[in-house]
Protein backbone atom coordinates (compact mmCIF):
# COMPACT_ATOMS: atom_id res chain seq x y z
CA MET A 1 19.73 -13.08 -14.68
CA ALA A 2 20.13 -11.02 -17.79
CA PRO A 3 23.54 -10.41 -19.35
CA PRO A 4 25.01 -6.96 -18.79
CA THR A 5 23.47 -5.41 -21.88
CA GLY A 6 20.80 -7.95 -22.71
CA ASP A 7 21.19 -7.31 -26.46
CA THR A 8 23.10 -10.28 -27.81
CA SER A 9 22.71 -13.45 -25.80
CA GLU A 10 19.16 -12.91 -24.57
CA ARG A 11 16.52 -14.85 -26.42
CA ARG A 12 13.52 -12.79 -27.45
CA ARG A 13 10.38 -14.89 -27.36
CA VAL A 14 8.00 -12.32 -28.84
CA PRO A 15 9.04 -9.42 -31.14
CA THR A 16 8.73 -6.26 -29.07
CA ALA A 17 7.25 -4.17 -31.89
CA VAL A 18 4.50 -6.75 -32.45
CA LEU A 19 3.72 -6.93 -28.75
CA LEU A 20 3.60 -3.14 -28.38
CA GLY A 21 1.23 -2.90 -31.36
CA LEU A 22 -1.06 -5.55 -29.89
CA LEU A 23 -1.03 -3.81 -26.52
CA VAL A 24 -1.97 -0.46 -28.08
CA ILE A 25 -4.95 -2.16 -29.72
CA ALA A 26 -5.83 -3.89 -26.44
CA LEU A 27 -5.62 -0.58 -24.58
CA ALA A 28 -7.94 1.09 -27.09
CA ALA A 29 -10.43 -1.78 -26.73
CA ALA A 30 -10.17 -1.77 -22.92
CA THR A 31 -10.70 2.00 -22.93
CA CYS A 32 -13.89 1.66 -24.94
CA LEU A 33 -15.16 -1.06 -22.59
CA GLY A 34 -14.19 0.90 -19.50
CA VAL A 35 -15.97 4.00 -20.77
CA ALA A 36 -19.10 2.15 -21.91
CA PHE A 37 -19.81 -0.07 -18.90
CA GLY A 38 -20.18 0.61 -15.21
CA THR A 39 -22.91 1.63 -12.80
CA VAL A 40 -24.85 2.95 -15.79
CA ASN A 41 -24.14 1.38 -19.17
CA VAL A 42 -23.79 3.40 -22.34
CA PRO A 43 -24.30 1.46 -25.60
CA LEU A 44 -20.93 0.67 -27.15
CA PRO A 45 -21.79 2.25 -30.56
CA ALA A 46 -22.83 5.46 -28.79
CA THR A 47 -19.61 5.39 -26.76
CA VAL A 48 -17.47 5.05 -29.87
CA SER A 49 -19.43 7.85 -31.56
CA VAL A 50 -18.90 10.20 -28.61
CA LEU A 51 -15.16 9.51 -28.56
CA ALA A 52 -14.92 9.95 -32.31
CA ALA A 53 -16.88 13.21 -32.18
CA HIS A 54 -14.42 14.69 -29.68
CA LEU A 55 -11.26 13.27 -31.23
CA LEU A 56 -12.29 13.96 -34.85
CA PRO A 57 -14.39 17.12 -34.54
CA GLY A 58 -14.37 17.87 -38.26
CA GLU A 59 -16.73 15.00 -39.04
CA ALA A 60 -20.49 14.85 -38.48
CA TRP A 61 -21.07 12.22 -35.82
CA GLY A 62 -24.43 11.18 -34.40
CA GLY A 63 -26.11 8.32 -32.60
CA PHE A 64 -25.75 9.64 -29.06
CA THR A 65 -27.55 12.02 -26.73
CA ALA A 66 -26.20 15.04 -24.87
CA VAL A 67 -26.41 13.10 -21.61
CA GLN A 68 -24.40 10.23 -23.07
CA ASP A 69 -21.86 12.69 -24.40
CA GLN A 70 -21.38 14.25 -20.97
CA PHE A 71 -21.32 10.90 -19.24
CA VAL A 72 -18.70 9.43 -21.56
CA TRP A 73 -16.43 12.43 -22.05
CA GLU A 74 -16.65 14.23 -18.72
CA PHE A 75 -17.04 11.36 -16.24
CA ARG A 76 -15.89 8.02 -17.63
CA LEU A 77 -12.98 8.85 -19.96
CA PRO A 78 -10.89 10.76 -17.36
CA ARG A 79 -11.29 7.83 -14.99
CA VAL A 80 -10.20 5.28 -17.58
CA LEU A 81 -7.21 7.39 -18.64
CA LEU A 82 -6.18 7.83 -15.01
CA ALA A 83 -6.46 4.06 -14.49
CA ALA A 84 -4.16 3.55 -17.48
CA ALA A 85 -1.64 6.06 -16.13
CA VAL A 86 -1.68 4.53 -12.65
CA GLY A 87 -1.27 1.02 -14.03
CA ALA A 88 1.61 2.04 -16.29
CA GLY A 89 3.35 3.90 -13.48
CA LEU A 90 3.07 1.08 -10.96
CA ALA A 91 4.53 -1.45 -13.40
CA LEU A 92 7.30 0.99 -14.27
CA VAL A 93 8.24 1.47 -10.61
CA GLY A 94 8.00 -2.25 -9.89
CA THR A 95 10.37 -3.04 -12.76
CA LEU A 96 12.86 -0.41 -11.62
CA MET A 97 12.77 -1.54 -7.99
CA GLN A 98 13.29 -5.19 -8.86
CA ALA A 99 16.48 -4.26 -10.71
CA VAL A 100 17.74 -1.65 -8.23
CA VAL A 101 17.48 -3.92 -5.16
CA ARG A 102 18.08 -7.15 -7.14
CA ASN A 103 14.93 -8.75 -5.73
CA PRO A 104 12.16 -10.19 -7.93
CA LEU A 105 9.67 -9.72 -5.08
CA ALA A 106 10.08 -5.95 -4.99
CA ASP A 107 7.26 -3.56 -5.81
CA PRO A 108 6.02 -0.30 -4.24
CA TYR A 109 3.38 -2.09 -2.16
CA VAL A 110 5.57 -4.92 -0.85
CA LEU A 111 8.49 -2.60 0.02
CA GLY A 112 6.28 -0.18 1.94
CA VAL A 113 6.81 2.71 -0.48
CA SER A 114 3.08 2.94 -1.16
CA SER A 115 2.43 2.97 2.59
CA GLY A 116 4.91 5.80 3.02
CA ALA A 117 3.25 7.77 0.24
CA GLY A 118 -0.16 7.03 1.75
CA LEU A 119 1.03 8.36 5.10
CA GLY A 120 2.10 11.61 3.46
CA ALA A 121 -1.22 11.98 1.63
CA VAL A 122 -3.25 11.24 4.78
CA PHE A 123 -1.22 13.80 6.72
CA VAL A 124 -2.45 16.44 4.29
CA PHE A 125 -6.02 15.08 4.41
CA VAL A 126 -6.09 15.35 8.21
CA PHE A 127 -4.09 18.50 8.95
CA ILE A 128 -4.45 20.56 5.74
CA PRO A 129 -7.88 19.54 4.38
CA ALA A 130 -8.19 22.74 2.35
CA ALA A 131 -5.16 21.65 0.29
CA ALA A 132 -6.09 17.97 0.06
CA GLY A 133 -6.65 18.15 -3.68
CA GLY A 134 -3.65 20.19 -4.70
CA LEU A 135 0.12 20.32 -4.82
CA PRO A 136 0.65 19.80 -1.04
CA ARG A 137 -0.82 16.30 -1.30
CA TYR A 138 1.48 15.43 -4.21
CA ALA A 139 4.49 16.82 -2.33
CA ALA A 140 3.64 15.03 0.92
CA ALA A 141 3.05 11.71 -0.84
CA PHE A 142 6.34 12.06 -2.72
CA GLY A 143 8.17 12.85 0.53
CA GLY A 144 6.64 9.85 2.26
CA ALA A 145 7.52 7.55 -0.64
CA LEU A 146 11.10 8.82 -0.81
CA LEU A 147 11.54 8.42 2.95
CA ALA A 148 10.18 4.87 2.83
CA LEU A 149 12.36 3.83 -0.10
CA ALA A 150 15.50 5.34 1.46
CA ALA A 151 14.76 3.57 4.75
CA VAL A 152 14.25 0.21 3.02
CA LEU A 153 17.52 0.53 1.11
CA ALA A 154 19.40 1.58 4.26
CA LEU A 155 18.01 -1.26 6.39
CA SER A 156 18.49 -3.96 3.74
CA ARG A 157 22.21 -3.36 3.13
CA ASP A 158 24.58 -6.01 4.44
CA ASP A 159 28.29 -5.15 4.00
CA GLY A 160 27.35 -2.77 1.21
CA ARG A 161 25.17 -5.28 -0.64
CA PHE A 162 21.43 -5.75 -0.86
CA THR A 163 20.26 -9.02 0.66
CA PRO A 164 16.95 -10.14 -0.91
CA GLN A 165 15.57 -11.44 2.37
CA ARG A 166 16.41 -8.21 4.20
CA VAL A 167 14.80 -6.12 1.46
CA VAL A 168 11.46 -7.87 1.85
CA LEU A 169 11.65 -7.96 5.65
CA ALA A 170 12.55 -4.27 5.86
CA GLY A 171 9.77 -3.36 3.42
CA VAL A 172 7.09 -5.36 5.19
CA THR A 173 8.16 -4.05 8.62
CA LEU A 174 8.15 -0.43 7.48
CA SER A 175 4.83 -0.97 5.74
CA TYR A 176 3.28 -2.03 9.05
CA LEU A 177 4.87 0.95 10.79
CA PHE A 178 3.59 3.47 8.23
CA THR A 179 0.16 1.85 8.24
CA ALA A 180 0.00 2.10 12.04
CA VAL A 181 0.90 5.81 11.97
CA THR A 182 -1.60 6.39 9.16
CA THR A 183 -4.35 4.67 11.15
CA PHE A 184 -3.52 6.80 14.17
CA LEU A 185 -3.84 9.96 12.07
CA ILE A 186 -7.19 8.80 10.69
CA PHE A 187 -8.53 8.21 14.19
CA ARG A 188 -7.46 11.74 15.08
CA SER A 189 -9.82 13.08 12.43
CA ASP A 190 -12.86 14.79 13.94
CA ASP A 191 -15.09 13.96 11.00
CA PRO A 192 -16.17 10.26 10.87
CA ARG A 193 -17.37 10.70 7.29
CA ALA A 194 -13.96 12.02 6.24
CA ALA A 195 -12.26 9.14 8.05
CA ASN A 196 -14.33 6.62 6.10
CA SER A 197 -13.47 8.38 2.85
CA ILE A 198 -9.75 8.28 3.69
CA LEU A 199 -9.91 4.57 4.50
CA PHE A 200 -11.62 3.85 1.18
CA PHE A 201 -9.04 6.01 -0.60
CA LEU A 202 -6.16 4.07 0.96
CA LEU A 203 -7.54 0.83 -0.52
CA GLY A 204 -7.31 2.32 -4.00
CA THR A 205 -10.00 4.18 -5.87
CA LEU A 206 -10.51 6.33 -8.95
CA GLN A 207 -13.84 7.78 -7.88
CA ASP A 208 -12.53 11.34 -7.86
CA ALA A 209 -10.99 11.15 -11.33
CA GLN A 210 -11.53 14.21 -13.52
CA TRP A 211 -9.69 15.90 -16.35
CA ALA A 212 -7.89 18.21 -13.91
CA ASN A 213 -6.03 15.34 -12.19
CA VAL A 214 -5.12 13.23 -15.22
CA GLY A 215 -2.39 15.41 -16.71
CA VAL A 216 0.11 15.42 -13.82
CA PRO A 217 0.17 11.62 -13.23
CA ALA A 218 0.40 10.94 -16.96
CA ALA A 219 3.27 13.41 -17.37
CA ILE A 220 5.15 12.00 -14.36
CA VAL A 221 4.80 8.46 -15.68
CA VAL A 222 6.18 9.54 -19.06
CA VAL A 223 9.13 11.22 -17.34
CA GLY A 224 9.73 8.07 -15.28
CA LEU A 225 9.67 5.92 -18.41
CA VAL A 226 12.16 8.20 -20.19
CA VAL A 227 14.52 8.13 -17.19
CA GLY A 228 14.18 4.35 -16.92
CA LEU A 229 15.01 3.88 -20.59
CA TYR A 230 17.99 6.22 -20.22
CA TYR A 231 19.35 3.99 -17.45
CA ALA A 232 18.35 0.71 -19.15
CA ARG A 233 21.92 -0.50 -19.74
CA PRO A 234 23.09 0.23 -16.17
CA LEU A 235 19.93 -1.51 -14.93
CA ASN A 236 20.76 -4.61 -16.97
CA ALA A 237 24.22 -4.63 -15.45
CA MET A 238 23.01 -3.94 -11.90
CA VAL A 239 20.79 -7.01 -12.06
CA VAL A 240 23.95 -9.11 -12.37
CA GLY A 241 25.72 -7.18 -9.62
CA ASP A 242 27.20 -3.80 -8.77
CA GLU A 243 30.70 -5.13 -9.34
CA THR A 244 29.83 -6.09 -12.89
CA ALA A 245 28.15 -2.75 -13.53
CA THR A 246 31.15 -0.85 -12.16
CA ALA A 247 33.55 -2.95 -14.23
CA LEU A 248 31.56 -2.00 -17.33
CA GLY A 249 31.99 1.67 -16.50
CA TYR A 250 28.56 2.45 -15.03
CA ASN A 251 28.22 4.68 -11.98
CA THR A 252 25.86 2.51 -9.92
CA ASN A 253 25.50 5.01 -7.07
CA ARG A 254 24.35 7.77 -9.40
CA ALA A 255 22.04 5.45 -11.32
CA ARG A 256 20.53 4.03 -8.14
CA ALA A 257 20.01 7.48 -6.63
CA ALA A 258 18.32 8.79 -9.78
CA LEU A 259 16.09 5.74 -10.08
CA MET A 260 15.19 5.93 -6.38
CA VAL A 261 14.04 9.53 -6.73
CA VAL A 262 12.08 8.76 -9.89
CA SER A 263 10.46 5.68 -8.31
CA ALA A 264 9.47 7.68 -5.23
CA LEU A 265 8.14 10.54 -7.37
CA VAL A 266 6.00 8.28 -9.55
CA THR A 267 4.73 6.27 -6.57
CA GLY A 268 3.93 9.40 -4.56
CA VAL A 269 1.96 11.03 -7.36
CA LEU A 270 0.03 7.85 -8.15
CA VAL A 271 -0.83 7.19 -4.50
CA ALA A 272 -1.91 10.82 -4.13
CA VAL A 273 -4.52 10.42 -6.91
CA ALA A 274 -5.49 6.74 -6.60
CA GLY A 275 -4.59 5.55 -3.11
CA GLY A 276 -2.84 2.26 -2.40
CA VAL A 277 -3.04 -0.24 -5.26
CA GLY A 278 -1.01 -3.33 -4.47
CA PHE A 279 0.83 -6.01 -6.44
CA VAL A 280 0.47 -4.41 -9.89
CA GLY A 281 4.19 -3.65 -9.98
CA LEU A 282 4.92 -7.23 -8.96
CA VAL A 283 2.77 -9.27 -11.32
CA VAL A 284 3.05 -7.44 -14.63
CA PRO A 285 6.87 -7.10 -14.96
CA HIS A 286 7.37 -10.84 -14.42
CA ALA A 287 4.77 -11.72 -17.02
CA VAL A 288 6.40 -9.30 -19.46
CA ARG A 289 9.88 -10.71 -18.91
CA PHE A 290 8.53 -14.13 -19.83
CA LEU A 291 7.43 -12.69 -23.18
CA VAL A 292 10.28 -10.34 -24.14
CA GLY A 293 13.24 -11.34 -21.97
CA SER A 294 15.08 -9.30 -19.34
CA ASN A 295 16.46 -6.34 -21.31
CA HIS A 296 14.98 -3.24 -19.69
CA ARG A 297 14.84 -1.40 -23.01
CA ARG A 298 12.06 -3.82 -23.91
CA VAL A 299 10.64 -4.65 -20.49
CA LEU A 300 9.90 -1.06 -19.42
CA PRO A 301 7.66 0.08 -22.32
CA VAL A 302 5.92 -3.28 -22.67
CA ALA A 303 5.28 -3.53 -18.92
CA ALA A 304 3.90 0.02 -18.82
CA LEU A 305 1.45 -0.64 -21.67
CA ALA A 306 0.44 -4.08 -20.40
CA SER A 307 -0.19 -2.74 -16.91
CA ALA A 308 -2.23 0.14 -18.31
CA VAL A 309 -4.53 -2.41 -19.97
CA TYR A 310 -4.57 -4.50 -16.80
CA LEU A 311 -5.64 -1.72 -14.44
CA VAL A 312 -8.28 -0.37 -16.84
CA LEU A 313 -9.87 -3.84 -16.82
CA VAL A 314 -9.47 -4.16 -13.03
CA ASP A 315 -11.24 -0.83 -12.55
CA LEU A 316 -14.03 -2.06 -14.83
CA VAL A 317 -14.41 -5.20 -12.69
CA CYS A 318 -14.50 -3.07 -9.53
CA ARG A 319 -17.41 -1.07 -10.95
CA LEU A 320 -19.37 -4.08 -12.21
CA VAL A 321 -19.10 -6.72 -9.48
CA LEU A 322 -21.24 -5.00 -6.83
CA ARG A 323 -22.91 -2.23 -8.80
CA PRO A 324 -24.22 0.27 -7.96
CA GLU A 325 -21.58 -0.03 -5.21
CA GLU A 326 -17.88 -0.05 -6.10
CA LEU A 327 -15.01 -2.24 -4.93
CA PRO A 328 -11.66 -0.63 -4.08
CA LEU A 329 -8.99 -1.31 -6.68
CA GLY A 330 -6.65 -2.75 -4.06
CA VAL A 331 -9.10 -5.53 -3.22
CA VAL A 332 -9.10 -6.94 -6.75
CA THR A 333 -5.38 -6.44 -7.38
CA ALA A 334 -4.57 -8.16 -4.06
CA LEU A 335 -6.84 -11.10 -4.90
CA LEU A 336 -4.99 -11.50 -8.19
CA GLY A 337 -1.50 -10.57 -7.04
CA ALA A 338 -1.11 -12.16 -3.59
CA PRO A 339 -1.21 -15.77 -4.87
CA TYR A 340 1.36 -14.84 -7.51
CA PHE A 341 3.56 -13.31 -4.80
CA LEU A 342 3.42 -16.57 -2.84
CA VAL A 343 4.40 -18.54 -5.94
CA LEU A 344 7.40 -16.25 -6.50
CA LEU A 345 8.37 -16.50 -2.84
CA ARG A 346 8.30 -20.29 -2.99
CA ARG A 347 10.26 -20.32 -6.25
CA ASN A 348 12.94 -18.04 -4.74
CA ARG A 349 13.25 -20.26 -1.68
CA ARG A 350 13.62 -23.35 -3.87
CA ALA A 351 16.26 -21.61 -6.01
CA ARG A 352 18.31 -20.69 -2.91
CA ALA A 353 18.09 -24.27 -1.66
CA LEU A 354 19.65 -25.53 -4.91
CA ARG A 355 22.67 -23.22 -4.68
């Protein structure tokens, strides 16, 4: 566990500024690859020229056609940017949840928060299809995520404390419950084609990405990151225990409530635009802590950037493996994340046995 502030006694293995700089470069490179390759490839030089022409309009850029320009700027770039926003947000929420419930196995997917958000989004799909692409879907997904997170926290308390085993058990149980209700709603749909689309959506997809639905998720993720950084010191203390945090003068109830709402908001918005993408919030924060330590002032921004790179590359794999068909994002992230989850579960069990 990290010390209360994580500033003095924590050993930093990699300078944070260096790592952030490398991740920015990696994200730029992953963006270019994600925009250039897919069902139809666009030559990398032409891709770079299109991006430069739009970002630096004062210069005379050439080497690309009008079709390539439309393909890169209107179709591919919004998708890649949305993938980056979704990846950053999921890692952010995973990091916050692991500290709030003091469980290294916590993430939106494992705790059933994604399932709750998915239930809210599907409710709108089925009963208010005319509003399926607007604010009602965001609001319903946020409500479902908040309900799920509140239920997990309520069910996992034991004498006022969070028990790691109960957190996971409550999350998995509620996830099954929300999934069952969601499946029932899908079967109530009168349109088989719409039902298939909803099922594919729930597995995670960015097929519907466009400029109009990039701004809100990106803005919400930025807000979540700012709030997380604001509560970084209380988070460091809460990892050790609520008693320690209270003794240091932090209001744990207020911090936990604020972080719960932010986590639910970010998860709800991301599920509303990209469906259920599992294990991203579990894998990336642990890898980042290995590099920069446990201080949330460093973990949060590095995890967000690293996960943005990760999901952009995952989305690229999803488009390339079976092209012209496309794999759901959740399939690839589960294949990568589930084994890591089992390793963490075994490590936790071994650690408890040694106490």
